[in-house]
């Protein structure tokens, strides 16, 4: 169910989800084994019992709070995977490859415009897409080519920003889920107080309070890196888009008619 919702809301690759769930299952098995081996002895709660599930006063698992914790753990793993993917997608070698830029310049400077257009049709970089849109407007003049390049650069940047926006969504949703867990945990704690007539054992309150704190912890652990990475990658994408458009306009300057010697002497 979680896999289906994540795929529909955040467009996650199902194969990536299946790979992400493997380490989660391993971690669960490890911590459950560690907890089981410690039963019958009075010891401090294990790392897993603190951060991976919520327990009732009798030691049983509190399923609602634990489910929220695991949803947040899943989102934290997806956050790491998404951050790495978006960082790699917004590199100069992908958006504005130096080799391809040099090849375009060589072909345009030597007057091989058809070869430049063929190369732009093959390459998949933002540079090639922007230049291809400009070269197809060559019969309409240089000004039309520049306008086409600007429009295409805006389209390409918008596509990148839409993909990057998923990080912002994570940064917004995770604290809300954490806050939901916080409210739920406090409700559980106050219900225990009410049921005991205000004389609740602190041990009985630990489950609800623990759920409140742990869900807040995981929510912030997701939101802070996601928001920071969103700002970094977004600014990088905008900067690369501006550099790409600048490089294309520089090459399109070759299409502008040069002033004759007589016109230059008249202006001087």
Protein backbone atom coordinates (compact mmCIF):
# COMPACT_ATOMS: atom_id res chain seq x y z
CA UNK A 1 0.00 0.00 0.00
CA UNK A 2 2.81 2.41 0.90
CA UNK A 3 4.60 1.49 -2.34
CA UNK A 4 1.47 2.25 -4.40
CA UNK A 5 0.81 5.62 -2.71
CA UNK A 6 4.43 6.72 -3.03
CA UNK A 7 4.49 5.77 -6.70
CA UNK A 8 1.29 7.72 -7.41
CA UNK A 9 2.14 10.85 -5.39
CA UNK A 10 5.89 11.19 -5.96
CA UNK A 11 6.38 9.23 -9.24
CA UNK A 12 8.87 6.82 -7.68
CA UNK A 13 10.22 4.01 -9.82
CA UNK A 14 8.70 0.75 -8.48
CA UNK A 15 12.00 -1.12 -8.92
CA UNK A 16 13.72 1.53 -6.81
CA UNK A 17 11.09 1.04 -4.13
CA UNK A 18 11.64 -2.70 -4.06
CA UNK A 19 15.40 -2.24 -3.72
CA UNK A 20 14.86 0.31 -0.95
CA UNK A 21 12.69 -2.05 1.07
CA UNK A 22 15.43 -4.73 1.28
CA UNK A 23 17.65 -2.85 3.75
CA UNK A 24 14.53 -1.93 5.72
CA UNK A 25 13.62 -5.59 6.12
CA UNK A 26 17.19 -6.44 7.11
CA UNK A 27 17.23 -3.67 9.71
CA UNK A 28 13.90 -4.83 11.12
CA UNK A 29 15.13 -8.41 11.42
CA UNK A 30 18.34 -7.27 13.12
CA UNK A 31 16.67 -5.07 15.70
CA UNK A 32 13.85 -7.54 16.38
CA UNK A 33 16.46 -10.24 17.02
CA UNK A 34 18.42 -7.97 19.32
CA UNK A 35 15.29 -7.13 21.29
CA UNK A 36 14.17 -10.74 21.55
CA UNK A 37 17.56 -11.82 22.91
CA UNK A 38 17.31 -9.18 25.62
CA UNK A 39 13.89 -10.29 26.88
CA UNK A 40 13.77 -11.41 30.47
CA UNK A 41 16.46 -8.97 31.56
CA UNK A 42 16.13 -5.36 32.68
CA UNK A 43 18.16 -3.39 30.18
CA UNK A 44 17.99 0.00 28.53
CA UNK A 45 15.85 0.12 25.38
CA UNK A 46 17.71 -0.92 22.25
CA UNK A 47 18.40 1.49 19.42
CA UNK A 48 15.69 -0.21 17.39
CA UNK A 49 13.14 0.02 20.19
CA UNK A 50 13.78 3.76 20.40
CA UNK A 51 13.91 4.82 16.75
CA UNK A 52 12.26 2.04 14.75
CA UNK A 53 9.08 1.16 16.61
CA UNK A 54 6.89 2.33 19.45
CA UNK A 55 6.10 0.06 22.40
CA UNK A 56 3.28 -0.05 24.92
CA UNK A 57 3.85 -0.22 28.64
CA UNK A 58 3.67 -4.03 28.57
CA UNK A 59 6.39 -4.23 25.93
CA UNK A 60 4.08 -4.97 23.01
CA UNK A 61 4.42 -3.01 19.77
CA UNK A 62 2.14 0.01 19.38
CA UNK A 63 1.19 -0.50 15.75
CA UNK A 64 -0.23 2.89 14.79
CA UNK A 65 2.75 4.85 16.08
CA UNK A 66 5.18 2.27 14.66
CA UNK A 67 3.50 2.49 11.25
CA UNK A 68 4.01 6.26 11.17
CA UNK A 69 7.65 5.81 12.16
CA UNK A 70 8.21 3.33 9.31
CA UNK A 71 6.49 5.58 6.78
CA UNK A 72 8.94 8.31 7.77
CA UNK A 73 11.89 5.89 7.61
CA UNK A 74 10.84 4.91 4.11
CA UNK A 75 10.56 8.56 3.08
CA UNK A 76 14.01 9.29 4.54
CA UNK A 77 15.55 6.57 2.35
CA UNK A 78 13.69 7.88 -0.67
CA UNK A 79 14.93 11.37 0.18
CA UNK A 80 18.54 10.21 0.06
CA UNK A 81 18.01 8.39 -3.24
CA UNK A 82 16.17 11.33 -4.81
CA UNK A 83 18.77 13.86 -3.65
CA UNK A 84 21.61 11.85 -5.20
CA UNK A 85 19.68 11.37 -8.45
CA UNK A 86 18.78 15.05 -8.84
CA UNK A 87 22.31 16.15 -7.98
CA UNK A 88 23.69 13.92 -10.74
CA UNK A 89 21.07 15.10 -13.24
CA UNK A 90 22.00 18.75 -12.73
CA UNK A 91 25.69 18.57 -13.50
CA UNK A 92 27.49 20.50 -16.22
CA UNK A 93 28.35 17.24 -18.01
CA UNK A 94 24.62 16.54 -18.40
CA UNK A 95 23.17 20.00 -19.03
CA UNK A 96 26.03 21.76 -20.84
CA UNK A 97 28.60 19.14 -21.93
CA UNK A 98 31.88 20.89 -22.80
CA UNK A 99 32.67 18.38 -25.56
CA UNK A 100 29.31 18.91 -27.26
CA UNK A 101 29.57 22.69 -26.88
CA UNK A 102 32.99 22.65 -28.54
CA UNK A 103 31.67 20.51 -31.38
CA UNK A 104 28.74 22.87 -31.99
CA UNK A 105 31.07 25.86 -32.08
CA UNK A 106 33.42 24.19 -34.55
CA UNK A 107 30.60 23.27 -36.91
CA UNK A 108 28.90 26.66 -36.80
CA UNK A 109 32.13 28.64 -37.17
CA UNK A 110 33.05 26.57 -40.22
CA UNK A 111 29.61 27.14 -41.75
CA UNK A 112 28.41 23.54 -41.37
CA UNK A 113 24.96 24.50 -40.16
CA UNK A 114 23.28 21.30 -41.33
CA UNK A 115 25.84 19.23 -39.46
CA UNK A 116 25.21 21.29 -36.33
CA UNK A 117 21.47 20.70 -36.65
CA UNK A 118 22.03 16.96 -37.13
CA UNK A 119 24.16 16.84 -34.00
CA UNK A 120 21.52 18.78 -32.06
CA UNK A 121 18.93 16.20 -33.14
CA UNK A 122 21.04 13.35 -31.78
CA UNK A 123 22.23 14.83 -28.50
CA UNK A 124 19.86 14.84 -25.50
CA UNK A 125 21.47 17.58 -23.41
CA UNK A 126 19.74 20.87 -22.59
CA UNK A 127 22.28 22.61 -24.80
CA UNK A 128 21.33 20.49 -27.81
CA UNK A 129 17.59 20.93 -27.24
CA UNK A 130 17.92 24.71 -26.96
CA UNK A 131 20.17 25.03 -30.00
CA UNK A 132 17.96 22.73 -32.06
CA UNK A 133 14.94 24.92 -31.39
CA UNK A 134 16.93 27.96 -32.48
CA UNK A 135 18.37 26.40 -35.66
CA UNK A 136 14.94 25.30 -36.88
CA UNK A 137 13.97 29.00 -36.95
CA UNK A 138 16.94 29.99 -39.12
CA UNK A 139 14.80 30.87 -42.18
CA UNK A 140 12.94 33.47 -40.05
CA UNK A 141 16.11 35.37 -39.13
CA UNK A 142 18.44 35.74 -36.18
CA UNK A 143 15.93 37.47 -33.91
CA UNK A 144 13.47 34.59 -34.35
CA UNK A 145 16.24 32.14 -33.54
CA UNK A 146 17.08 33.96 -30.32
CA UNK A 147 13.42 34.05 -29.27
CA UNK A 148 13.09 30.33 -29.98
CA UNK A 149 16.19 29.61 -27.91
CA UNK A 150 14.87 31.64 -24.98
CA UNK A 151 11.49 29.92 -25.11
CA UNK A 152 13.05 26.47 -25.29
CA UNK A 153 15.42 27.28 -22.43
CA UNK A 154 12.41 28.23 -20.30
CA UNK A 155 10.66 24.95 -21.19
CA UNK A 156 13.71 22.85 -20.36
CA UNK A 157 14.27 24.67 -17.08
CA UNK A 158 10.60 24.25 -16.13
CA UNK A 159 10.91 20.49 -16.70
CA UNK A 160 13.95 20.32 -14.44
CA UNK A 161 12.32 22.43 -11.74
CA UNK A 162 9.26 20.17 -11.76
CA UNK A 163 11.47 17.16 -11.04
CA UNK A 164 13.37 19.06 -8.36
CA UNK A 165 10.06 20.12 -6.78
CA UNK A 166 9.71 16.60 -5.38
CA UNK A 167 12.36 17.48 -2.82
CA UNK A 168 10.31 20.47 -1.75
CA UNK A 169 7.25 18.23 -1.42
CA UNK A 170 9.20 15.91 0.86
CA UNK A 171 10.41 18.86 2.90
CA UNK A 172 6.81 19.98 3.37
CA UNK A 173 5.13 16.62 3.95
CA UNK A 174 7.62 15.00 6.32
CA UNK A 175 7.19 17.52 9.18
CA UNK A 176 3.42 17.24 8.80
CA UNK A 177 3.59 13.46 9.20
CA UNK A 178 5.92 13.96 12.15
CA UNK A 179 3.49 16.46 13.67
CA UNK A 180 0.63 14.01 13.15
CA UNK A 181 2.62 11.40 15.07
CA UNK A 182 3.36 13.97 17.77
CA UNK A 183 -0.32 14.77 18.24
CA UNK A 184 -1.22 11.09 18.22
CA UNK A 185 1.43 10.25 20.83
CA UNK A 186 0.29 13.05 23.13
CA UNK A 187 -3.33 11.93 22.80
CA UNK A 188 -2.29 8.41 23.83
CA UNK A 189 -0.36 9.78 26.81
CA UNK A 190 -3.26 11.95 28.00
CA UNK A 191 -5.71 9.09 27.58
CA UNK A 192 -3.52 7.02 29.91
CA UNK A 193 -3.54 9.86 32.44
CA UNK A 194 -7.33 10.11 32.21
CA UNK A 195 -7.79 6.35 32.53
CA UNK A 196 -5.70 6.22 35.71
CA UNK A 197 -7.38 9.20 37.29
CA UNK A 198 -4.28 11.36 37.06
CA UNK A 199 -2.03 8.84 38.83
CA UNK A 200 -0.42 7.25 35.79
CA UNK A 201 2.89 5.48 36.16
CA UNK A 202 5.55 7.26 34.05
CA UNK A 203 6.27 3.93 32.42
CA UNK A 204 2.72 3.88 31.07
CA UNK A 205 3.22 7.34 29.55
CA UNK A 206 6.50 6.47 27.90
CA UNK A 207 4.91 4.83 24.85
CA UNK A 208 2.83 7.83 23.80
CA UNK A 209 5.52 10.38 24.58
CA UNK A 210 8.12 8.25 22.81
CA UNK A 211 5.95 8.08 19.69
CA UNK A 212 5.50 11.85 19.75
CA UNK A 213 9.23 12.53 19.99
CA UNK A 214 10.44 9.88 17.56
CA UNK A 215 8.02 10.85 14.78
CA UNK A 216 9.08 14.47 15.22
CA UNK A 217 12.72 13.37 15.01
CA UNK A 218 12.23 11.47 11.75
CA UNK A 219 10.12 14.26 10.26
CA UNK A 220 12.88 16.80 10.89
CA UNK A 221 15.56 14.36 9.75
CA UNK A 222 13.84 14.27 6.37
CA UNK A 223 12.73 17.90 6.09
CA UNK A 224 16.03 19.62 6.88
CA UNK A 225 18.21 17.82 4.27
CA UNK A 226 15.40 17.80 1.70
CA UNK A 227 14.82 21.55 1.99
CA UNK A 228 18.53 22.30 1.88
CA UNK A 229 19.13 20.04 -1.12
CA UNK A 230 16.11 21.53 -2.89
CA UNK A 231 17.57 25.02 -2.61
CA UNK A 232 21.04 23.90 -3.72
CA UNK A 233 19.90 21.84 -6.71
CA UNK A 234 17.30 24.41 -7.79
CA UNK A 235 19.85 27.24 -7.80
CA UNK A 236 22.29 25.04 -9.67
CA UNK A 237 19.70 24.18 -12.31
CA UNK A 238 18.86 27.86 -12.83
CA UNK A 239 22.55 28.79 -13.11
CA UNK A 240 23.20 26.03 -15.65
CA UNK A 241 20.13 27.11 -17.64
CA UNK A 242 21.45 30.66 -17.82
CA UNK A 243 24.88 29.43 -18.89
CA UNK A 244 23.34 27.22 -21.55
CA UNK A 245 21.25 30.06 -22.98
CA UNK A 246 24.28 32.36 -22.94
CA UNK A 247 26.35 29.81 -24.88
CA UNK A 248 23.58 29.36 -27.45
CA UNK A 249 23.14 33.10 -27.94
CA UNK A 250 26.90 33.41 -28.38
CA UNK A 251 26.79 30.85 -31.19
CA UNK A 252 23.73 32.47 -32.74
CA UNK A 253 25.70 35.71 -33.03
CA UNK A 254 27.50 34.03 -35.93
CA UNK A 255 24.27 34.30 -37.92
CA UNK A 256 24.07 38.10 -37.60
CA UNK A 257 25.19 39.92 -40.76
CA UNK A 258 28.47 41.72 -40.29
CA UNK A 259 28.64 45.42 -41.09
CA UNK A 260 30.46 46.30 -44.26
CA UNK A 261 33.62 48.40 -44.22
CA UNK A 262 31.73 51.42 -45.65
CA UNK A 263 29.09 51.24 -42.89
CA UNK A 264 31.79 50.93 -40.23
CA UNK A 265 33.63 53.99 -41.59
CA UNK A 266 30.38 55.98 -41.71
CA UNK A 267 29.55 55.16 -38.07
CA UNK A 268 33.05 56.09 -36.95
